C-alpha atoms as a PDB file:
ATOM      1  CA  MET A   1       0.000   0.000   0.000  1.00  0.00           C
ATOM      2  CA  GLU A   2       2.777   2.385   0.971  1.00  0.00           C
ATOM      3  CA  GLN A   3       4.629   1.573  -2.243  1.00  0.00           C
ATOM      4  CA  GLN A   4       1.518   2.391  -4.305  1.00  0.00           C
ATOM      5  CA  ILE A   5       1.259   5.804  -2.633  1.00  0.00           C
ATOM      6  CA  ILE A   6       4.916   6.504  -3.441  1.00  0.00           C
ATOM      7  CA  ILE A   7       4.399   5.440  -7.078  1.00  0.00           C
ATOM      8  CA  ALA A   8       1.220   7.579  -7.341  1.00  0.00           C
ATOM      9  CA  CYS A   9       3.035  10.600  -5.893  1.00  0.00           C
ATOM     10  CA  ALA A  10       5.932  10.070  -8.299  1.00  0.00           C
ATOM     11  CA  ILE A  11       3.538   9.874 -11.252  1.00  0.00           C
ATOM     12  CA  ILE A  12       1.769  13.056 -10.117  1.00  0.00           C
ATOM     13  CA  ILE A  13       5.114  14.855  -9.757  1.00  0.00           C
ATOM     14  CA  ILE A  14       6.182  13.704 -13.242  1.00  0.00           C
ATOM     15  CA  ILE A  15       2.867  14.849 -14.759  1.00  0.00           C
ATOM     16  CA  LEU A  16       3.030  18.235 -13.023  1.00  0.00           C
ATOM     17  CA  THR A  17       6.659  18.710 -14.057  1.00  0.00           C
ATOM     18  CA  ALA A  18       5.840  17.803 -17.658  1.00  0.00           C
ATOM     19  CA  ALA A  19       2.861  20.203 -17.651  1.00  0.00           C
ATOM     20  CA  ALA A  20       5.017  23.003 -16.222  1.00  0.00           C
ATOM     21  CA  LEU A  21       7.690  22.391 -18.872  1.00  0.00           C
ATOM     22  CA  ILE A  22       5.099  22.400 -21.649  1.00  0.00           C
ATOM     23  CA  LEU A  23       3.595  25.680 -20.372  1.00  0.00           C
ATOM     24  CA  TRP A  24       7.033  27.237 -20.012  1.00  0.00           C
ATOM     25  CA  TYR A  25       8.002  26.163 -23.537  1.00  0.00           C
ATOM     26  CA  LYS A  26       4.748  27.471 -25.039  1.00  0.00           C
ATOM     27  CA  LYS A  27       5.078  30.794 -23.212  1.00  0.00           C
ATOM     28  CA  ARG A  28       8.678  31.143 -24.355  1.00  0.00           C
ATOM     29  CA  ASN A  29       7.616  30.555 -27.949  1.00  0.00           C
ATOM     30  CA  TYR A  30       4.454  32.654 -27.801  1.00  0.00           C
ATOM     31  CA  TYR A  31       4.321  35.568 -30.214  1.00  0.00           C
ATOM     32  CA  PRO A  32       0.784  36.998 -30.408  1.00  0.00           C
ATOM     33  CA  TYR A  33       1.192  38.775 -33.737  1.00  0.00           C
ATOM     34  CA  ALA A  34      -0.552  38.648 -37.080  1.00  0.00           C
ATOM     35  CA  ALA A  35       0.133  40.527 -40.286  1.00  0.00           C
ATOM     36  CA  LYS A  36      -2.087  43.476 -41.085  1.00  0.00           C
ATOM     37  CA  HIS A  37      -2.338  45.924 -43.937  1.00  0.00           C
ATOM     38  CA  ILE A  38      -0.095  48.945 -43.515  1.00  0.00           C
ATOM     39  CA  LEU A  39      -2.932  51.352 -44.378  1.00  0.00           C
ATOM     40  CA  THR A  40      -6.585  51.634 -43.429  1.00  0.00           C
ATOM     41  CA  ARG A  41      -9.116  51.437 -46.250  1.00  0.00           C
ATOM     42  CA  ARG A  42      -9.463  55.228 -46.270  1.00  0.00           C
ATOM     43  CA  GLU A  43      -5.702  55.734 -46.300  1.00  0.00           C
ATOM     44  CA  TYR A  44      -5.302  53.178 -49.094  1.00  0.00           C
ATOM     45  CA  ARG A  45      -7.949  54.868 -51.223  1.00  0.00           C
ATOM     46  CA  PHE A  46      -6.106  58.165 -50.729  1.00  0.00           C
ATOM     47  CA  TYR A  47      -2.750  56.479 -51.425  1.00  0.00           C
ATOM     48  CA  GLN A  48      -3.977  55.258 -54.800  1.00  0.00           C
ATOM     49  CA  LEU A  49      -4.863  58.821 -55.865  1.00  0.00           C
ATOM     50  CA  LEU A  50      -1.687  60.225 -54.346  1.00  0.00           C
ATOM     51  CA  ARG A  51       0.519  57.641 -56.061  1.00  0.00           C
ATOM     52  CA  GLN A  52      -1.067  58.350 -59.431  1.00  0.00           C
ATOM     53  CA  GLU A  53      -0.460  62.096 -59.069  1.00  0.00           C
ATOM     54  CA  ALA A  54       3.058  61.581 -57.673  1.00  0.00           C
ATOM     55  CA  GLU A  55       4.040  59.362 -60.584  1.00  0.00           C
ATOM     56  CA  ALA A  56       2.741  61.999 -63.019  1.00  0.00           C
ATOM     57  CA  HIS A  57       5.194  64.434 -61.354  1.00  0.00           C
ATOM     58  CA  GLY A  58       8.093  61.952 -61.287  1.00  0.00           C
ATOM     59  CA  CYS A  59       7.813  61.401 -57.534  1.00  0.00           C
ATOM     60  CA  MET A  60       7.423  58.485 -55.133  1.00  0.00           C
ATOM     61  CA  VAL A  61       5.040  58.000 -52.208  1.00  0.00           C
ATOM     62  CA  CYS A  62       6.302  56.502 -48.951  1.00  0.00           C
ATOM     63  CA  PRO A  63       3.511  55.630 -46.509  1.00  0.00           C
ATOM     64  CA  LYS A  64       3.708  55.712 -42.687  1.00  0.00           C
ATOM     65  CA  VAL A  65       7.139  57.230 -42.229  1.00  0.00           C
ATOM     66  CA  GLY A  66       8.452  57.865 -38.729  1.00  0.00           C
ATOM     67  CA  VAL A  67       9.031  61.510 -37.855  1.00  0.00           C
ATOM     68  CA  LYS A  68      12.371  60.510 -36.302  1.00  0.00           C
ATOM     69  CA  ASP A  69      13.404  59.337 -39.784  1.00  0.00           C
ATOM     70  CA  LEU A  70      12.624  62.739 -41.281  1.00  0.00           C
ATOM     71  CA  LEU A  71      13.745  65.233 -38.626  1.00  0.00           C
ATOM     72  CA  ALA A  72      17.125  65.500 -36.943  1.00  0.00           C
ATOM     73  CA  VAL A  73      17.402  66.888 -33.413  1.00  0.00           C
ATOM     74  CA  THR A  74      19.819  69.826 -33.494  1.00  0.00           C
ATOM     75  CA  ASP A  75      19.987  70.551 -29.738  1.00  0.00           C
ATOM     76  CA  THR A  76      22.814  68.267 -28.660  1.00  0.00           C
ATOM     77  CA  LYS A  77      22.564  69.211 -24.969  1.00  0.00           C
ATOM     78  CA  ASN A  78      18.888  68.231 -24.815  1.00  0.00           C
ATOM     79  CA  TYR A  79      18.944  65.613 -27.548  1.00  0.00           C
ATOM     80  CA  MET A  80      16.904  62.940 -25.762  1.00  0.00           C
ATOM     81  CA  LYS A  81      14.280  65.430 -24.577  1.00  0.00           C
ATOM     82  CA  TYR A  82      13.547  66.486 -28.155  1.00  0.00           C
ATOM     83  CA  PHE A  83      14.073  63.045 -29.676  1.00  0.00           C
ATOM     84  CA  HIS A  84      11.387  61.561 -27.409  1.00  0.00           C
ATOM     85  CA  LYS A  85       8.925  64.148 -28.710  1.00  0.00           C
ATOM     86  CA  ILE A  86       9.214  62.712 -32.232  1.00  0.00           C
ATOM     87  CA  ALA A  87      10.268  59.105 -31.609  1.00  0.00           C
ATOM     88  CA  GLN A  88       6.776  57.554 -31.646  1.00  0.00           C
ATOM     89  CA  LYS A  89       5.154  59.829 -34.224  1.00  0.00           C
ATOM     90  CA  HIS A  90       4.715  59.249 -37.941  1.00  0.00           C
ATOM     91  CA  VAL A  91       3.286  61.052 -40.936  1.00  0.00           C
ATOM     92  CA  ASP A  92       0.805  59.362 -43.214  1.00  0.00           C
ATOM     93  CA  PHE A  93       2.736  59.898 -46.462  1.00  0.00           C
ATOM     94  CA  VAL A  94       6.012  61.369 -47.635  1.00  0.00           C
ATOM     95  CA  ILE A  95       6.512  62.508 -51.214  1.00  0.00           C
ATOM     96  CA  CYS A  96      10.093  62.059 -52.429  1.00  0.00           C
ATOM     97  CA  ASP A  97      12.017  62.381 -55.636  1.00  0.00           C
ATOM     98  CA  HIS A  98      13.581  59.201 -57.029  1.00  0.00           C
ATOM     99  CA  ASP A  99      16.750  59.826 -55.012  1.00  0.00           C
ATOM    100  CA  LEU A 100      14.582  59.784 -51.862  1.00  0.00           C
ATOM    101  CA  HIS A 101      14.986  63.480 -51.127  1.00  0.00           C
ATOM    102  CA  VAL A 102      11.901  64.554 -49.207  1.00  0.00           C
ATOM    103  CA  LEU A 103       9.773  67.074 -51.072  1.00  0.00           C
ATOM    104  CA  PHE A 104       6.882  67.268 -48.608  1.00  0.00           C
ATOM    105  CA  ALA A 105       4.841  65.219 -46.162  1.00  0.00           C
ATOM    106  CA  VAL A 106       1.087  64.669 -46.125  1.00  0.00           C
ATOM    107  CA  GLU A 107      -1.269  64.116 -43.229  1.00  0.00           C
ATOM    108  CA  LEU A 108      -4.686  62.698 -44.060  1.00  0.00           C
ATOM    109  CA  ASP A 109      -6.849  64.221 -41.346  1.00  0.00           C
ATOM    110  CA  ASP A 110     -10.239  62.947 -40.277  1.00  0.00           C
ATOM    111  CA  SER A 111     -12.625  63.522 -37.375  1.00  0.00           C
ATOM    112  CA  SER A 112     -10.099  62.045 -34.927  1.00  0.00           C
ATOM    113  CA  HIS A 113      -8.053  65.236 -35.391  1.00  0.00           C
ATOM    114  CA  GLU A 114     -10.790  67.359 -33.811  1.00  0.00           C
ATOM    115  CA  THR A 115     -10.035  66.555 -30.174  1.00  0.00           C
ATOM    116  CA  LYS A 116      -7.996  68.940 -28.060  1.00  0.00           C
ATOM    117  CA  ASP A 117      -5.162  66.393 -27.687  1.00  0.00           C
ATOM    118  CA  ALA A 118      -5.082  65.710 -31.422  1.00  0.00           C
ATOM    119  CA  ARG A 119      -5.000  69.418 -32.229  1.00  0.00           C
ATOM    120  CA  CYS A 120      -2.092  69.823 -29.816  1.00  0.00           C
ATOM    121  CA  ARG A 121      -0.198  66.921 -31.455  1.00  0.00           C
ATOM    122  CA  ASP A 122      -0.953  68.327 -34.916  1.00  0.00           C
ATOM    123  CA  HIS A 123       0.274  71.779 -33.859  1.00  0.00           C
ATOM    124  CA  PHE A 124       3.525  70.302 -32.547  1.00  0.00           C
ATOM    125  CA  LYS A 125       4.038  68.341 -35.760  1.00  0.00           C
ATOM    126  CA  ASP A 126       3.302  71.410 -37.899  1.00  0.00           C
ATOM    127  CA  LYS A 127       5.862  73.487 -35.966  1.00  0.00           C
ATOM    128  CA  ALA A 128       8.518  70.749 -35.995  1.00  0.00           C
ATOM    129  CA  PHE A 129       8.233  70.260 -39.759  1.00  0.00           C
ATOM    130  CA  ALA A 130       8.291  74.013 -40.345  1.00  0.00           C
ATOM    131  CA  ALA A 131      11.479  74.252 -38.267  1.00  0.00           C
ATOM    132  CA  ALA A 132      13.026  71.520 -40.442  1.00  0.00           C
ATOM    133  CA  LYS A 133      11.821  73.313 -43.579  1.00  0.00           C
ATOM    134  CA  ILE A 134       9.830  70.307 -44.762  1.00  0.00           C
ATOM    135  CA  PRO A 135       6.367  71.296 -45.959  1.00  0.00           C
ATOM    136  CA  LEU A 136       3.685  69.350 -44.097  1.00  0.00           C
ATOM    137  CA  LYS A 137       0.439  69.447 -46.010  1.00  0.00           C
ATOM    138  CA  ARG A 138      -2.867  68.429 -44.488  1.00  0.00           C
ATOM    139  CA  ILE A 139      -5.778  67.085 -46.453  1.00  0.00           C
ATOM    140  CA  ARG A 140      -9.193  66.089 -45.188  1.00  0.00           C
ATOM    141  CA  ASP A 141     -11.203  65.109 -48.248  1.00  0.00           C
ATOM    142  CA  ILE A 142     -10.199  62.300 -50.554  1.00  0.00           C
ATOM    143  CA  ASP A 143     -10.782  64.052 -53.825  1.00  0.00           C
ATOM    144  CA  GLU A 144      -8.746  64.107 -57.048  1.00  0.00           C
ATOM    145  CA  ARG A 145      -8.742  67.925 -57.168  1.00  0.00           C
ATOM    146  CA  GLU A 146      -7.478  68.155 -53.587  1.00  0.00           C
ATOM    147  CA  VAL A 147      -4.723  65.651 -54.346  1.00  0.00           C
ATOM    148  CA  ARG A 148      -3.657  67.632 -57.442  1.00  0.00           C
ATOM    149  CA  ARG A 149      -3.404  70.784 -55.296  1.00  0.00           C
ATOM    150  CA  LEU A 150      -0.798  69.106 -53.116  1.00  0.00           C
ATOM    151  CA  PHE A 151       1.667  69.219 -55.991  1.00  0.00           C
END
């Protein structure tokens, strides 16, 4: 009887150890990611018009570009302070020549830009791009005439 209890306990310990190892292995190899389209439907519809117009002008369209990739922080003493202000921001589209020199950036605004916080973020972005002498153009309506006016 005592031997059966010892064997049962050993089996339980082995099962629990195996379960713990399996859970540990699964957690270690758990990556909860799935591919998604880089643009929303609205942004993609706008991109199609923008690309057509850009190509007519010999330009390229780069979607979802990080602001940190477009603007350099010039204040070396406070570099990190100013870098953090742009590090997590992006612009919807950047129009470049074929040598990838930035001509201007485009923000496709919608109703989400009407909140106080969004207006503050937009204001900061407008001022930062102006300081870098990169035109930042905002467009609200997806319309061929509006897209042509960007160029």
